[in-house]
Amino acid sequence: MALRTVLVVPCFNEEKRLAADVFHAFVQGKDWLTILLVDDGSGDGTRGVLQALKERDPKHFEVLGLDFNGGKAEAVRRGVLHALDLNAHCIGFWDADLATPLEALQEFVDTLEDNAAVEMALGSRVQLLGRSIDRDRGRHYFGRVAATAVSLMLGLRVYDTQCGAKLFRVTPGLRALFAEPFLTRWVFDVEILARWMKGQAPGTDRRTLESRVVEIPLRQWTDVKGSRLKPTDFLKAPMELGRIWTHYFGPGK
């Protein structure tokens, strides 16, 4: 039997984009899965679309409505905290545009179910033969530079921190990862890893840390048009990485 899982899906102005029928079809027969749809203070009819999906299938869907738009990081954070009260074994988050198909979730759950030492499963957009990873070339190269910087900063051999598909085992320390608002808006995924590392026992070596996190090369990922990221947002990433390093790993930390 699969681990009881709550999947947080942050939504902002998704009235015309959310593939409600795809979500509904996917959850059928999966008694172990709840999808928590978080309306991040949308200004359109997103809330109604989400509520309709819950009314259509209250067994598999929950809706959390936020009064103000706080950004993806805050929507994910609030969603995870809400999900912690739903008696789950695993909690994850997934992009509403389904750049990562929902079918990939099973491999994430299986990974945590098969290895009790693993605390996180991270989607990784590795362009391998036999896999369909459709990424904008500029974003891909920027991502490779950023990932190298993150690996050096964290001391972890992580390939892709920014993929919007992640699953966490519910442990006593999970709430602490999401208890406080994130310092950063665009690279909060890195901040999650930084918080997680700081929460490990002092002296834990890198090999042990890396045994607790698994990157899962995705079989399919599509760069969905209509992304709200702007070119100037990429310029903010180095500054935000600097804030993370200073706050969690800087002098006196």
Protein backbone atom coordinates (compact mmCIF):
# COMPACT_ATOMS: atom_id res chain seq x y z
CA MET A 1 0.00 0.00 0.00
CA ALA A 2 1.40 3.40 -0.97
CA LEU A 3 2.33 5.93 1.68
CA ARG A 4 -0.45 8.36 2.57
CA THR A 5 0.46 11.45 0.57
CA VAL A 6 -0.71 15.06 0.42
CA LEU A 7 0.38 16.97 -2.67
CA VAL A 8 0.35 20.78 -2.37
CA VAL A 9 -0.40 22.61 -5.63
CA PRO A 10 0.04 26.41 -5.44
CA CYS A 11 -2.30 28.26 -7.81
CA PHE A 12 -2.33 31.91 -8.84
CA ASN A 13 -4.69 33.16 -11.56
CA GLU A 14 -5.10 29.65 -12.97
CA GLU A 15 -8.78 29.99 -13.95
CA LYS A 16 -8.08 29.44 -17.65
CA ARG A 17 -5.00 27.22 -17.33
CA LEU A 18 -5.70 24.65 -14.65
CA ALA A 19 -6.27 21.21 -16.19
CA ALA A 20 -9.01 20.25 -13.72
CA ASP A 21 -10.02 17.14 -15.67
CA VAL A 22 -6.42 15.89 -15.69
CA PHE A 23 -6.16 16.28 -11.93
CA HIS A 24 -9.52 14.56 -11.42
CA ALA A 25 -8.67 11.63 -13.68
CA PHE A 26 -5.29 11.11 -12.02
CA VAL A 27 -6.54 10.68 -8.47
CA GLN A 28 -9.13 8.03 -9.31
CA GLY A 29 -8.35 4.78 -7.51
CA LYS A 30 -5.64 6.39 -5.37
CA ASP A 31 -7.07 6.24 -1.87
CA TRP A 32 -3.64 7.18 -0.50
CA LEU A 33 -3.55 10.58 -2.23
CA THR A 34 -5.01 14.00 -1.37
CA ILE A 35 -4.30 17.04 -3.52
CA LEU A 36 -4.32 20.31 -1.59
CA LEU A 37 -5.02 23.18 -3.99
CA VAL A 38 -3.78 26.49 -2.59
CA ASP A 39 -5.30 29.64 -4.05
CA ASP A 40 -2.59 32.27 -3.62
CA GLY A 41 -4.91 35.28 -3.50
CA SER A 42 -5.88 35.03 -7.17
CA GLY A 43 -7.60 37.98 -8.81
CA ASP A 44 -9.62 35.91 -11.27
CA GLY A 45 -11.98 32.97 -10.85
CA THR A 46 -9.35 30.49 -9.69
CA ARG A 47 -10.98 30.01 -6.28
CA GLY A 48 -14.23 28.92 -7.92
CA VAL A 49 -12.42 26.45 -10.20
CA LEU A 50 -10.66 24.90 -7.21
CA GLN A 51 -13.83 24.72 -5.14
CA ALA A 52 -15.65 23.05 -8.03
CA LEU A 53 -12.94 20.41 -8.22
CA LYS A 54 -13.25 19.75 -4.49
CA GLU A 55 -17.05 19.51 -4.72
CA ARG A 56 -16.67 17.10 -7.62
CA ASP A 57 -14.37 14.84 -5.58
CA PRO A 58 -14.16 15.80 -1.88
CA LYS A 59 -12.38 12.54 -1.08
CA HIS A 60 -9.27 13.50 -3.03
CA PHE A 61 -9.21 17.31 -3.02
CA GLU A 62 -8.81 20.01 -0.38
CA VAL A 63 -8.75 23.77 -0.99
CA LEU A 64 -6.82 26.33 1.03
CA GLY A 65 -7.69 29.92 0.15
CA LEU A 66 -5.22 32.69 0.97
CA ASP A 67 -6.53 36.23 1.20
CA PHE A 68 -3.46 37.89 -0.33
CA ASN A 69 -0.99 36.98 -3.05
CA GLY A 70 2.24 36.13 -1.22
CA GLY A 71 4.03 34.32 -4.03
CA LYS A 72 4.74 30.66 -4.70
CA ALA A 73 7.14 30.26 -1.77
CA GLU A 74 4.57 31.44 0.76
CA ALA A 75 1.75 29.46 -0.87
CA VAL A 76 3.83 26.29 -0.68
CA ARG A 77 4.83 27.02 2.91
CA ARG A 78 1.25 27.62 4.06
CA GLY A 79 0.10 24.56 2.13
CA VAL A 80 2.67 22.26 3.73
CA LEU A 81 1.79 23.52 7.22
CA HIS A 82 -1.89 22.83 6.49
CA ALA A 83 -1.03 19.40 5.08
CA LEU A 84 0.82 18.48 8.27
CA ASP A 85 -2.56 18.41 10.00
CA LEU A 86 -3.97 15.88 7.52
CA ASN A 87 -2.24 12.80 8.95
CA ALA A 88 0.02 12.13 5.94
CA HIS A 89 3.18 10.06 5.68
CA CYS A 90 4.52 12.22 2.83
CA ILE A 91 3.91 15.81 1.75
CA GLY A 92 5.07 17.30 -1.51
CA PHE A 93 4.49 20.18 -3.86
CA TRP A 94 3.89 20.22 -7.60
CA ASP A 95 3.56 23.01 -10.17
CA ALA A 96 -0.03 23.70 -11.21
CA ASP A 97 0.91 23.88 -14.90
CA LEU A 98 1.90 20.19 -14.78
CA ALA A 99 5.26 20.81 -16.40
CA THR A 100 6.03 17.61 -14.52
CA PRO A 101 3.22 15.16 -15.32
CA LEU A 102 1.31 13.86 -12.32
CA GLU A 103 2.17 10.32 -13.39
CA ALA A 104 5.71 10.93 -12.15
CA LEU A 105 4.47 11.13 -8.55
CA GLN A 106 4.32 7.34 -8.13
CA GLU A 107 8.10 7.05 -8.52
CA PHE A 108 8.59 9.70 -5.83
CA VAL A 109 6.31 7.84 -3.41
CA ASP A 110 7.93 4.48 -4.21
CA THR A 111 11.36 5.96 -3.53
CA LEU A 112 10.40 7.02 -0.01
CA GLU A 113 8.49 3.80 0.61
CA ASP A 114 11.40 1.57 -0.45
CA ASN A 115 14.07 3.36 1.61
CA ALA A 116 13.18 4.52 5.11
CA ALA A 117 16.38 6.61 5.31
CA VAL A 118 15.32 8.91 2.47
CA GLU A 119 13.68 12.13 3.66
CA MET A 120 13.36 14.01 0.36
CA ALA A 121 12.78 13.12 -3.28
CA LEU A 122 13.56 15.93 -5.71
CA GLY A 123 12.58 16.00 -9.36
CA SER A 124 15.59 16.54 -11.62
CA ARG A 125 15.41 17.74 -15.22
CA VAL A 126 18.32 15.78 -16.65
CA GLN A 127 18.46 15.71 -20.43
CA LEU A 128 19.17 12.03 -21.06
CA LEU A 129 18.56 9.89 -24.12
CA GLY A 130 15.15 8.27 -23.96
CA ARG A 131 13.64 11.05 -21.86
CA SER A 132 11.63 14.07 -22.97
CA ILE A 133 12.92 17.18 -21.17
CA ASP A 134 11.78 20.24 -23.10
CA ARG A 135 13.49 23.28 -21.50
CA ASP A 136 14.16 26.74 -22.81
CA ARG A 137 17.84 26.72 -23.76
CA GLY A 138 18.68 29.97 -21.98
CA ARG A 139 17.00 28.84 -18.77
CA HIS A 140 18.76 25.50 -18.99
CA TYR A 141 22.22 27.05 -19.19
CA PHE A 142 21.42 29.57 -16.47
CA GLY A 143 20.14 26.69 -14.36
CA ARG A 144 23.36 24.75 -14.78
CA VAL A 145 25.42 27.73 -13.58
CA ALA A 146 23.06 28.29 -10.66
CA ALA A 147 23.07 24.59 -9.71
CA THR A 148 26.87 24.57 -9.62
CA ALA A 149 26.84 27.60 -7.32
CA VAL A 150 24.26 25.93 -5.07
CA SER A 151 26.28 22.71 -4.90
CA LEU A 152 29.35 24.63 -3.80
CA MET A 153 27.39 26.69 -1.29
CA LEU A 154 25.62 23.74 0.32
CA GLY A 155 28.36 21.19 -0.10
CA LEU A 156 25.86 18.80 -1.69
CA ARG A 157 26.14 17.29 -5.16
CA VAL A 158 22.66 18.41 -6.18
CA TYR A 159 21.91 18.72 -9.91
CA ASP A 160 18.58 20.56 -9.98
CA THR A 161 17.13 22.43 -7.01
CA GLN A 162 14.50 24.41 -8.91
CA CYS A 163 12.29 21.73 -10.39
CA GLY A 164 8.77 22.25 -9.06
CA ALA A 165 8.21 18.61 -8.12
CA LYS A 166 9.29 17.54 -4.63
CA LEU A 167 8.19 15.07 -1.97
CA PHE A 168 9.14 15.02 1.73
CA ARG A 169 8.76 12.31 4.32
CA VAL A 170 6.82 13.56 7.34
CA THR A 171 9.42 13.55 10.10
CA PRO A 172 9.54 15.37 13.45
CA GLY A 173 11.68 18.04 11.80
CA LEU A 174 9.54 18.72 8.73
CA ARG A 175 7.39 21.39 10.34
CA ALA A 176 10.52 23.38 11.24
CA LEU A 177 11.49 23.60 7.55
CA PHE A 178 8.29 25.51 6.80
CA ALA A 179 7.56 27.17 10.14
CA GLU A 180 8.96 30.59 9.21
CA PRO A 181 8.46 32.62 6.00
CA PHE A 182 11.29 32.17 3.52
CA LEU A 183 13.91 34.87 3.11
CA THR A 184 13.84 34.39 -0.64
CA ARG A 185 11.08 34.46 -3.24
CA TRP A 186 12.66 32.79 -6.27
CA VAL A 187 15.10 30.22 -4.83
CA PHE A 188 13.18 29.09 -1.76
CA ASP A 189 13.86 25.49 -2.84
CA VAL A 190 17.52 26.10 -1.98
CA GLU A 191 16.50 27.61 1.33
CA ILE A 192 14.53 24.46 2.17
CA LEU A 193 17.72 22.44 1.70
CA ALA A 194 19.70 24.94 3.76
CA ARG A 195 17.20 24.72 6.62
CA TRP A 196 17.19 20.95 6.40
CA MET A 197 20.98 20.79 6.59
CA LYS A 198 21.06 23.13 9.58
CA GLY A 199 18.57 20.85 11.33
CA GLN A 200 20.77 17.77 11.03
CA ALA A 201 22.87 16.55 13.93
CA PRO A 202 26.20 18.43 14.28
CA GLY A 203 29.03 16.65 12.56
CA THR A 204 26.87 14.75 10.08
CA ASP A 205 29.12 14.03 7.09
CA ARG A 206 28.23 14.76 3.49
CA ARG A 207 27.83 11.11 2.52
CA THR A 208 25.18 10.62 5.22
CA LEU A 209 23.38 13.80 4.19
CA GLU A 210 23.34 12.77 0.55
CA SER A 211 21.94 9.34 1.47
CA ARG A 212 18.86 11.08 2.84
CA VAL A 213 18.05 13.00 -0.35
CA VAL A 214 17.33 11.40 -3.73
CA GLU A 215 17.12 13.21 -7.06
CA ILE A 216 14.77 11.51 -9.48
CA PRO A 217 15.54 12.10 -13.18
CA LEU A 218 12.19 12.91 -14.74
CA ARG A 219 11.04 11.00 -17.79
CA GLN A 220 9.12 14.02 -19.06
CA TRP A 221 9.15 17.74 -18.35
CA THR A 222 7.72 20.50 -20.54
CA ASP A 223 8.51 24.20 -20.39
CA VAL A 224 4.90 25.38 -20.32
CA LYS A 225 4.26 28.71 -21.98
CA GLY A 226 2.93 31.52 -19.86
CA SER A 227 5.50 31.34 -17.08
CA ARG A 228 5.38 34.35 -14.77
CA LEU A 229 9.16 34.42 -14.43
CA LYS A 230 10.71 37.42 -16.16
CA PRO A 231 14.32 37.74 -17.38
CA THR A 232 15.00 40.23 -14.58
CA ASP A 233 13.97 37.61 -12.04
CA PHE A 234 17.02 35.55 -12.96
CA LEU A 235 19.21 38.49 -11.99
CA LYS A 236 17.78 38.30 -8.48
CA ALA A 237 18.88 34.72 -7.96
CA PRO A 238 22.57 35.45 -7.15
CA MET A 239 21.51 38.02 -4.55
CA GLU A 240 19.03 35.62 -3.01
CA LEU A 241 21.63 32.84 -2.89
CA GLY A 242 23.92 35.28 -1.12
CA ARG A 243 21.22 35.99 1.46
CA ILE A 244 20.75 32.28 2.08
CA TRP A 245 24.48 31.69 2.56
CA THR A 246 24.86 34.65 4.90
CA HIS A 247 21.83 33.74 7.00
CA TYR A 248 22.45 30.00 7.33
CA PHE A 249 26.17 29.48 6.77
CA GLY A 250 27.85 32.87 7.25
CA PRO A 251 30.24 33.87 10.02
CA GLY A 252 28.99 32.83 13.44
CA LYS A 253 26.39 30.40 12.03
